[in-house]
N, C-alpha and C. Protein backbone atom coordinates (compact mmCIF):
# COMPACT_ATOMS: atom_id res chain seq x y z
N MET A 1 -33.50 -100.08 50.88
CA MET A 1 -34.10 -100.56 49.66
C MET A 1 -35.04 -101.70 50.02
N THR A 2 -36.23 -101.68 49.46
CA THR A 2 -37.18 -102.73 49.77
C THR A 2 -36.80 -104.02 49.06
N GLU A 3 -37.35 -105.12 49.57
CA GLU A 3 -37.06 -106.42 48.96
C GLU A 3 -37.54 -106.45 47.52
N THR A 4 -38.70 -105.84 47.25
CA THR A 4 -39.23 -105.80 45.89
C THR A 4 -38.28 -105.05 44.97
N THR A 5 -37.79 -103.91 45.40
CA THR A 5 -36.87 -103.12 44.59
C THR A 5 -35.58 -103.90 44.33
N THR A 6 -35.08 -104.57 45.35
CA THR A 6 -33.87 -105.38 45.18
C THR A 6 -34.12 -106.50 44.18
N GLN A 7 -35.25 -107.17 44.29
CA GLN A 7 -35.58 -108.25 43.36
C GLN A 7 -35.76 -107.73 41.93
N GLU A 8 -36.40 -106.58 41.80
CA GLU A 8 -36.57 -105.98 40.47
C GLU A 8 -35.22 -105.63 39.86
N ALA A 9 -34.33 -105.09 40.67
CA ALA A 9 -32.99 -104.76 40.18
C ALA A 9 -32.23 -106.02 39.79
N ALA A 10 -32.40 -107.09 40.57
CA ALA A 10 -31.75 -108.36 40.25
C ALA A 10 -32.25 -108.88 38.90
N VAL A 11 -33.54 -108.78 38.68
CA VAL A 11 -34.12 -109.21 37.40
C VAL A 11 -33.58 -108.35 36.26
N GLU A 12 -33.45 -107.04 36.50
CA GLU A 12 -32.91 -106.15 35.47
C GLU A 12 -31.45 -106.50 35.15
N LEU A 13 -30.66 -106.77 36.18
CA LEU A 13 -29.26 -107.19 35.95
C LEU A 13 -29.21 -108.44 35.10
N GLN A 14 -30.03 -109.42 35.45
CA GLN A 14 -30.05 -110.68 34.70
C GLN A 14 -30.52 -110.45 33.27
N ALA A 15 -31.52 -109.59 33.09
CA ALA A 15 -32.03 -109.31 31.75
C ALA A 15 -30.95 -108.66 30.88
N THR A 16 -30.17 -107.78 31.46
CA THR A 16 -29.08 -107.14 30.72
C THR A 16 -28.08 -108.19 30.25
N MET A 17 -27.75 -109.13 31.13
CA MET A 17 -26.79 -110.17 30.75
C MET A 17 -27.38 -111.10 29.69
N PHE A 18 -28.66 -111.45 29.79
CA PHE A 18 -29.31 -112.25 28.76
C PHE A 18 -29.28 -111.52 27.42
N ASP A 19 -29.53 -110.22 27.45
CA ASP A 19 -29.49 -109.42 26.24
C ASP A 19 -28.10 -109.47 25.61
N LEU A 20 -27.07 -109.30 26.42
CA LEU A 20 -25.70 -109.35 25.90
C LEU A 20 -25.39 -110.71 25.29
N LEU A 21 -25.81 -111.77 25.94
CA LEU A 21 -25.58 -113.11 25.39
C LEU A 21 -26.31 -113.29 24.07
N GLY A 22 -27.53 -112.80 23.98
CA GLY A 22 -28.28 -112.91 22.74
C GLY A 22 -27.62 -112.13 21.61
N ARG A 23 -27.14 -110.95 21.92
CA ARG A 23 -26.47 -110.15 20.91
C ARG A 23 -25.17 -110.81 20.46
N MET A 24 -24.43 -111.39 21.39
CA MET A 24 -23.19 -112.09 21.03
C MET A 24 -23.49 -113.30 20.16
N ALA A 25 -24.52 -114.05 20.49
CA ALA A 25 -24.90 -115.22 19.69
C ALA A 25 -25.29 -114.80 18.27
N ALA A 26 -26.00 -113.70 18.14
CA ALA A 26 -26.39 -113.22 16.81
C ALA A 26 -25.17 -112.80 16.00
N LEU A 27 -24.22 -112.14 16.65
CA LEU A 27 -22.99 -111.74 15.96
C LEU A 27 -22.18 -112.97 15.54
N GLU A 28 -22.12 -113.96 16.41
CA GLU A 28 -21.41 -115.20 16.07
C GLU A 28 -22.07 -115.86 14.86
N ARG A 29 -23.37 -115.92 14.85
CA ARG A 29 -24.11 -116.51 13.73
C ARG A 29 -23.80 -115.75 12.44
N ASP A 30 -23.74 -114.42 12.51
CA ASP A 30 -23.41 -113.62 11.33
C ASP A 30 -22.02 -113.95 10.80
N VAL A 31 -21.07 -114.16 11.70
CA VAL A 31 -19.71 -114.50 11.28
C VAL A 31 -19.71 -115.86 10.58
N PHE A 32 -20.39 -116.84 11.16
CA PHE A 32 -20.43 -118.16 10.53
C PHE A 32 -21.10 -118.11 9.17
N ARG A 33 -22.12 -117.29 9.03
CA ARG A 33 -22.77 -117.14 7.72
C ARG A 33 -21.84 -116.49 6.71
N ALA A 34 -20.94 -115.64 7.17
CA ALA A 34 -20.05 -114.90 6.28
C ALA A 34 -18.76 -115.64 5.97
N VAL A 35 -18.53 -116.80 6.57
CA VAL A 35 -17.28 -117.53 6.33
C VAL A 35 -17.10 -117.81 4.84
N GLY A 36 -18.16 -118.16 4.14
CA GLY A 36 -18.06 -118.45 2.71
C GLY A 36 -18.33 -117.26 1.82
N ALA A 37 -18.57 -116.11 2.40
CA ALA A 37 -18.90 -114.90 1.63
C ALA A 37 -17.62 -114.20 1.18
N ASP A 38 -17.80 -113.09 0.50
CA ASP A 38 -16.62 -112.35 0.04
C ASP A 38 -15.90 -111.70 1.22
N ASP A 39 -14.70 -111.21 0.94
CA ASP A 39 -13.85 -110.66 2.00
C ASP A 39 -14.51 -109.50 2.75
N ALA A 40 -15.19 -108.63 2.03
CA ALA A 40 -15.81 -107.47 2.67
C ALA A 40 -16.90 -107.89 3.65
N GLN A 41 -17.71 -108.88 3.28
CA GLN A 41 -18.77 -109.34 4.18
C GLN A 41 -18.19 -109.99 5.43
N PHE A 42 -17.17 -110.81 5.23
CA PHE A 42 -16.57 -111.46 6.39
C PHE A 42 -15.90 -110.43 7.29
N ALA A 43 -15.18 -109.50 6.69
CA ALA A 43 -14.51 -108.46 7.48
C ALA A 43 -15.53 -107.63 8.26
N ALA A 44 -16.67 -107.34 7.66
CA ALA A 44 -17.71 -106.57 8.36
C ALA A 44 -18.29 -107.35 9.54
N ALA A 45 -18.52 -108.64 9.35
CA ALA A 45 -19.04 -109.47 10.44
C ALA A 45 -18.01 -109.58 11.57
N HIS A 46 -16.75 -109.75 11.20
CA HIS A 46 -15.67 -109.82 12.18
C HIS A 46 -15.59 -108.49 12.94
N ARG A 47 -15.61 -107.39 12.22
CA ARG A 47 -15.52 -106.05 12.82
C ARG A 47 -16.69 -105.81 13.77
N ALA A 48 -17.86 -106.31 13.45
CA ALA A 48 -19.03 -106.13 14.32
C ALA A 48 -18.80 -106.79 15.68
N VAL A 49 -18.15 -107.95 15.69
CA VAL A 49 -17.85 -108.62 16.96
C VAL A 49 -16.81 -107.82 17.74
N VAL A 50 -15.78 -107.37 17.06
CA VAL A 50 -14.73 -106.58 17.72
C VAL A 50 -15.34 -105.30 18.31
N ASP A 51 -16.19 -104.64 17.55
CA ASP A 51 -16.84 -103.42 18.05
C ASP A 51 -17.74 -103.71 19.24
N PHE A 52 -18.47 -104.82 19.19
CA PHE A 52 -19.34 -105.21 20.30
C PHE A 52 -18.51 -105.42 21.56
N ALA A 53 -17.38 -106.09 21.42
CA ALA A 53 -16.51 -106.32 22.58
C ALA A 53 -15.96 -105.00 23.11
N GLU A 54 -15.52 -104.15 22.22
CA GLU A 54 -14.89 -102.89 22.63
C GLU A 54 -15.89 -101.88 23.20
N PHE A 55 -17.02 -101.74 22.54
CA PHE A 55 -17.94 -100.65 22.88
C PHE A 55 -19.15 -101.08 23.70
N THR A 56 -19.30 -102.37 23.92
CA THR A 56 -20.42 -102.86 24.72
C THR A 56 -19.94 -103.71 25.89
N LEU A 57 -19.17 -104.77 25.60
CA LEU A 57 -18.74 -105.66 26.67
C LEU A 57 -17.78 -104.98 27.65
N ARG A 58 -16.81 -104.27 27.12
CA ARG A 58 -15.86 -103.60 28.02
C ARG A 58 -16.54 -102.56 28.91
N PRO A 59 -17.39 -101.70 28.36
CA PRO A 59 -18.09 -100.76 29.25
C PRO A 59 -18.98 -101.48 30.28
N TRP A 60 -19.63 -102.56 29.86
CA TRP A 60 -20.45 -103.33 30.80
C TRP A 60 -19.57 -103.83 31.96
N HIS A 61 -18.41 -104.37 31.63
CA HIS A 61 -17.56 -104.90 32.69
C HIS A 61 -17.01 -103.78 33.58
N ARG A 62 -16.67 -102.65 32.99
CA ARG A 62 -16.23 -101.51 33.82
C ARG A 62 -17.33 -101.13 34.81
N ALA A 63 -18.56 -101.12 34.35
CA ALA A 63 -19.68 -100.80 35.25
C ALA A 63 -19.82 -101.87 36.32
N ALA A 64 -19.59 -103.13 35.97
CA ALA A 64 -19.64 -104.21 36.98
C ALA A 64 -18.54 -104.00 38.02
N GLU A 65 -17.35 -103.64 37.56
CA GLU A 65 -16.24 -103.40 38.49
C GLU A 65 -16.49 -102.20 39.41
N GLU A 66 -17.23 -101.23 38.90
CA GLU A 66 -17.49 -100.02 39.68
C GLU A 66 -18.71 -100.12 40.58
N THR A 67 -19.65 -101.01 40.26
CA THR A 67 -20.91 -101.05 41.02
C THR A 67 -21.22 -102.42 41.60
N LEU A 68 -21.33 -103.43 40.76
CA LEU A 68 -21.78 -104.75 41.22
C LEU A 68 -20.74 -105.42 42.11
N TYR A 69 -19.50 -105.46 41.67
CA TYR A 69 -18.48 -106.16 42.45
C TYR A 69 -18.23 -105.50 43.80
N PRO A 70 -18.15 -104.17 43.88
CA PRO A 70 -18.01 -103.56 45.21
C PRO A 70 -19.22 -103.82 46.11
N ALA A 71 -20.41 -103.92 45.52
CA ALA A 71 -21.61 -104.21 46.32
C ALA A 71 -21.50 -105.57 46.98
N ALA A 72 -20.71 -106.46 46.39
CA ALA A 72 -20.55 -107.81 46.93
C ALA A 72 -19.57 -107.87 48.10
N ALA A 73 -18.81 -106.81 48.32
CA ALA A 73 -17.77 -106.83 49.35
C ALA A 73 -18.26 -107.26 50.73
N PRO A 74 -19.41 -106.80 51.21
CA PRO A 74 -19.84 -107.22 52.55
C PRO A 74 -20.43 -108.63 52.60
N VAL A 75 -20.64 -109.25 51.46
CA VAL A 75 -21.23 -110.59 51.42
C VAL A 75 -20.09 -111.60 51.32
N VAL A 76 -19.74 -112.19 52.45
CA VAL A 76 -18.57 -113.06 52.53
C VAL A 76 -18.62 -114.17 51.48
N ARG A 77 -19.76 -114.80 51.31
CA ARG A 77 -19.86 -115.93 50.38
C ARG A 77 -19.72 -115.51 48.92
N ALA A 78 -19.79 -114.20 48.64
CA ALA A 78 -19.66 -113.72 47.27
C ALA A 78 -18.25 -113.23 46.95
N GLN A 79 -17.43 -113.04 47.95
CA GLN A 79 -16.12 -112.44 47.73
C GLN A 79 -15.23 -113.30 46.83
N LEU A 80 -15.17 -114.59 47.09
CA LEU A 80 -14.34 -115.47 46.26
C LEU A 80 -14.91 -115.57 44.85
N LEU A 81 -16.21 -115.56 44.74
CA LEU A 81 -16.85 -115.59 43.43
C LEU A 81 -16.46 -114.36 42.62
N VAL A 82 -16.46 -113.20 43.23
CA VAL A 82 -16.07 -111.97 42.53
C VAL A 82 -14.61 -112.06 42.09
N GLU A 83 -13.74 -112.57 42.95
CA GLU A 83 -12.34 -112.74 42.55
C GLU A 83 -12.23 -113.65 41.33
N GLY A 84 -13.00 -114.73 41.33
CA GLY A 84 -13.01 -115.64 40.18
C GLY A 84 -13.54 -114.96 38.92
N LEU A 85 -14.58 -114.17 39.06
CA LEU A 85 -15.13 -113.46 37.91
C LEU A 85 -14.13 -112.47 37.33
N LEU A 86 -13.39 -111.81 38.20
CA LEU A 86 -12.35 -110.89 37.72
C LEU A 86 -11.28 -111.65 36.94
N GLY A 87 -10.92 -112.83 37.43
CA GLY A 87 -9.95 -113.65 36.71
C GLY A 87 -10.50 -114.14 35.38
N GLU A 88 -11.76 -114.52 35.36
CA GLU A 88 -12.38 -114.97 34.12
C GLU A 88 -12.45 -113.84 33.10
N TRP A 89 -12.64 -112.62 33.59
CA TRP A 89 -12.67 -111.50 32.66
C TRP A 89 -11.33 -111.36 31.94
N GLN A 90 -10.25 -111.68 32.60
CA GLN A 90 -8.94 -111.62 31.94
C GLN A 90 -8.89 -112.60 30.76
N THR A 91 -9.54 -113.74 30.89
CA THR A 91 -9.61 -114.70 29.80
C THR A 91 -10.46 -114.13 28.66
N VAL A 92 -11.54 -113.44 28.99
CA VAL A 92 -12.35 -112.77 27.97
C VAL A 92 -11.50 -111.73 27.25
N GLU A 93 -10.70 -110.98 27.99
CA GLU A 93 -9.83 -109.98 27.38
C GLU A 93 -8.81 -110.62 26.44
N GLN A 94 -8.29 -111.78 26.81
CA GLN A 94 -7.34 -112.48 25.93
C GLN A 94 -8.02 -112.89 24.63
N ALA A 95 -9.24 -113.39 24.74
CA ALA A 95 -9.99 -113.77 23.53
C ALA A 95 -10.24 -112.53 22.67
N TYR A 96 -10.61 -111.43 23.30
CA TYR A 96 -10.84 -110.18 22.57
C TYR A 96 -9.55 -109.73 21.88
N SER A 97 -8.44 -109.86 22.57
CA SER A 97 -7.16 -109.45 22.01
C SER A 97 -6.85 -110.23 20.73
N ARG A 98 -7.12 -111.52 20.75
CA ARG A 98 -6.91 -112.33 19.54
C ARG A 98 -7.83 -111.87 18.42
N LEU A 99 -9.06 -111.56 18.77
CA LEU A 99 -10.05 -111.14 17.76
C LEU A 99 -9.74 -109.78 17.16
N SER A 100 -9.15 -108.92 17.93
CA SER A 100 -8.93 -107.55 17.46
C SER A 100 -7.77 -107.46 16.46
N CYS A 101 -7.00 -108.53 16.33
CA CYS A 101 -5.91 -108.55 15.35
C CYS A 101 -6.47 -108.98 13.99
N PRO A 102 -6.10 -108.25 12.95
CA PRO A 102 -6.56 -108.65 11.61
C PRO A 102 -6.05 -110.05 11.27
N SER A 103 -6.89 -110.82 10.60
CA SER A 103 -6.50 -112.17 10.21
C SER A 103 -7.23 -112.56 8.93
N THR A 104 -6.53 -113.32 8.10
CA THR A 104 -7.16 -113.86 6.89
C THR A 104 -7.60 -115.30 7.11
N ASP A 105 -7.29 -115.85 8.27
CA ASP A 105 -7.68 -117.23 8.59
C ASP A 105 -9.10 -117.22 9.16
N ARG A 106 -10.05 -117.41 8.28
CA ARG A 106 -11.46 -117.32 8.69
C ARG A 106 -11.83 -118.37 9.72
N ALA A 107 -11.28 -119.55 9.60
CA ALA A 107 -11.60 -120.62 10.56
C ALA A 107 -11.12 -120.23 11.96
N ARG A 108 -9.94 -119.64 12.05
CA ARG A 108 -9.43 -119.22 13.36
C ARG A 108 -10.28 -118.10 13.93
N VAL A 109 -10.63 -117.14 13.10
CA VAL A 109 -11.47 -116.03 13.57
C VAL A 109 -12.80 -116.56 14.08
N ALA A 110 -13.43 -117.44 13.31
CA ALA A 110 -14.72 -118.01 13.73
C ALA A 110 -14.57 -118.79 15.03
N ALA A 111 -13.49 -119.55 15.15
CA ALA A 111 -13.25 -120.32 16.39
C ALA A 111 -13.02 -119.39 17.57
N ASP A 112 -12.28 -118.31 17.36
CA ASP A 112 -12.04 -117.34 18.44
C ASP A 112 -13.34 -116.67 18.88
N ILE A 113 -14.21 -116.39 17.93
CA ILE A 113 -15.50 -115.78 18.26
C ILE A 113 -16.36 -116.75 19.04
N SER A 114 -16.34 -118.01 18.65
CA SER A 114 -17.09 -119.02 19.41
C SER A 114 -16.53 -119.15 20.82
N ALA A 115 -15.22 -119.11 20.94
CA ALA A 115 -14.59 -119.19 22.26
C ALA A 115 -15.01 -118.01 23.13
N LEU A 116 -15.05 -116.82 22.54
CA LEU A 116 -15.49 -115.64 23.28
C LEU A 116 -16.92 -115.82 23.77
N ARG A 117 -17.79 -116.31 22.90
CA ARG A 117 -19.19 -116.51 23.31
C ARG A 117 -19.29 -117.51 24.46
N VAL A 118 -18.53 -118.60 24.39
CA VAL A 118 -18.56 -119.60 25.46
C VAL A 118 -18.05 -119.00 26.77
N LEU A 119 -16.98 -118.24 26.70
CA LEU A 119 -16.46 -117.57 27.90
C LEU A 119 -17.50 -116.64 28.51
N LEU A 120 -18.23 -115.94 27.66
CA LEU A 120 -19.28 -115.04 28.16
C LEU A 120 -20.44 -115.82 28.77
N VAL A 121 -20.79 -116.95 28.18
CA VAL A 121 -21.85 -117.79 28.75
C VAL A 121 -21.47 -118.19 30.17
N VAL A 122 -20.23 -118.60 30.36
CA VAL A 122 -19.76 -119.02 31.69
C VAL A 122 -19.75 -117.83 32.65
N LEU A 123 -19.16 -116.73 32.24
CA LEU A 123 -19.07 -115.55 33.10
C LEU A 123 -20.45 -115.01 33.48
N PHE A 124 -21.29 -114.80 32.48
CA PHE A 124 -22.63 -114.28 32.76
C PHE A 124 -23.46 -115.28 33.53
N GLY A 125 -23.26 -116.56 33.25
CA GLY A 125 -23.99 -117.59 33.99
C GLY A 125 -23.69 -117.53 35.48
N LYS A 126 -22.43 -117.36 35.81
CA LYS A 126 -22.05 -117.24 37.22
C LYS A 126 -22.61 -115.97 37.84
N CYS A 127 -22.59 -114.89 37.08
CA CYS A 127 -23.18 -113.65 37.59
C CYS A 127 -24.68 -113.80 37.81
N MET A 128 -25.37 -114.34 36.80
CA MET A 128 -26.83 -114.45 36.86
C MET A 128 -27.31 -115.49 37.87
N ASP A 129 -26.63 -116.63 37.90
CA ASP A 129 -27.11 -117.75 38.71
C ASP A 129 -26.55 -117.78 40.12
N LEU A 130 -25.40 -117.16 40.33
CA LEU A 130 -24.76 -117.23 41.64
C LEU A 130 -24.63 -115.87 42.32
N LEU A 131 -23.98 -114.93 41.65
CA LEU A 131 -23.67 -113.65 42.30
C LEU A 131 -24.92 -112.81 42.57
N VAL A 132 -25.68 -112.52 41.53
CA VAL A 132 -26.84 -111.65 41.70
C VAL A 132 -27.84 -112.23 42.70
N PRO A 133 -28.19 -113.52 42.62
CA PRO A 133 -29.11 -114.06 43.64
C PRO A 133 -28.55 -113.99 45.06
N ALA A 134 -27.26 -114.21 45.23
CA ALA A 134 -26.66 -114.14 46.57
C ALA A 134 -26.75 -112.73 47.12
N LEU A 135 -26.49 -111.75 46.28
CA LEU A 135 -26.56 -110.36 46.73
C LEU A 135 -28.01 -109.97 47.04
N ALA A 136 -28.93 -110.37 46.18
CA ALA A 136 -30.34 -110.05 46.42
C ALA A 136 -30.84 -110.72 47.70
N GLU A 137 -30.43 -111.95 47.92
CA GLU A 137 -30.84 -112.68 49.12
C GLU A 137 -30.35 -111.99 50.39
N ASP A 138 -29.17 -111.40 50.31
CA ASP A 138 -28.62 -110.68 51.47
C ASP A 138 -29.12 -109.24 51.56
N GLY A 139 -30.00 -108.84 50.65
CA GLY A 139 -30.57 -107.50 50.70
C GLY A 139 -29.63 -106.40 50.24
N VAL A 140 -28.61 -106.75 49.48
CA VAL A 140 -27.67 -105.75 48.96
C VAL A 140 -28.40 -104.88 47.93
N PRO A 141 -28.33 -103.57 48.06
CA PRO A 141 -28.98 -102.68 47.07
C PRO A 141 -28.35 -102.88 45.69
N LEU A 142 -29.17 -103.19 44.71
CA LEU A 142 -28.68 -103.49 43.37
C LEU A 142 -29.17 -102.51 42.30
N ALA A 143 -30.03 -101.58 42.68
CA ALA A 143 -30.63 -100.69 41.68
C ALA A 143 -29.58 -99.86 40.94
N ASP A 144 -28.60 -99.32 41.64
CA ASP A 144 -27.56 -98.51 41.01
C ASP A 144 -26.76 -99.36 40.02
N ALA A 145 -26.38 -100.55 40.44
CA ALA A 145 -25.64 -101.45 39.55
C ALA A 145 -26.47 -101.80 38.33
N ALA A 146 -27.74 -102.12 38.53
CA ALA A 146 -28.61 -102.50 37.41
C ALA A 146 -28.73 -101.36 36.40
N THR A 147 -28.93 -100.16 36.89
CA THR A 147 -29.08 -99.00 36.01
C THR A 147 -27.79 -98.72 35.24
N LYS A 148 -26.68 -98.69 35.94
CA LYS A 148 -25.40 -98.36 35.29
C LYS A 148 -24.94 -99.45 34.34
N MET A 149 -25.16 -100.71 34.70
CA MET A 149 -24.72 -101.79 33.82
C MET A 149 -25.59 -101.88 32.57
N ALA A 150 -26.89 -101.62 32.71
CA ALA A 150 -27.78 -101.60 31.54
C ALA A 150 -27.39 -100.45 30.61
N ALA A 151 -27.12 -99.29 31.19
CA ALA A 151 -26.72 -98.14 30.38
C ALA A 151 -25.39 -98.40 29.67
N ALA A 152 -24.45 -99.00 30.38
CA ALA A 152 -23.14 -99.29 29.78
C ALA A 152 -23.26 -100.28 28.63
N ALA A 153 -24.18 -101.22 28.76
CA ALA A 153 -24.37 -102.23 27.72
C ALA A 153 -25.26 -101.74 26.59
N GLY A 154 -25.87 -100.58 26.78
CA GLY A 154 -26.77 -100.08 25.75
C GLY A 154 -28.08 -100.83 25.73
N ALA A 155 -28.38 -101.53 26.84
CA ALA A 155 -29.63 -102.30 26.92
C ALA A 155 -30.78 -101.37 27.21
N GLN A 156 -31.94 -101.78 26.78
CA GLN A 156 -33.15 -101.02 27.08
C GLN A 156 -33.67 -101.47 28.43
N GLY A 157 -33.78 -100.54 29.39
CA GLY A 157 -34.18 -100.91 30.73
C GLY A 157 -35.62 -100.73 31.03
C-alpha cells in the first residue's frame, strides 16, 4: 500500500469517527431539548440514542475489533493502546446498558447520555489522535479497516 493510500485511509477512519461524534452530540442535544416535552417526545429522543448505540456504535466497534485492532498487532507501541481501548469499550457498553433500560427519571437518562458522549469523545480521541496516526506512520495498511468501519457506521465514504 502506498503512503498516500495509507494516509487517505487514515483520514477516512478519522472522518468516520468525527461523524459518529457529531451524530452522538446531535442526539444528546435532542434529548436535552425533550426533557421538558411530553412523554412521547422524550421517549422518542431516548430511543434514538439507544438505537444509535445498538445499530451504529456496536457495529462500528465490531468492525474495529475485526480490522483496525488486529492491524495494530505488529506495531509494538500500539498494542497497549489497543488493550486500553478494548477496556474503555466495556465502559461504553456499561453506559449503553444503563440507557437501554426504560426509565421515567429524565435527569438520569440525560446524564447517562451525556456520560456516553464523553466516553465516546475519549475513546474516539485516542483512536484518532494516537492509534490511527501510529499505524499510518508505520505503514500499516488501513484501507480495509477504513472501508469496513465506515460501512458499519453507516457513514458516507
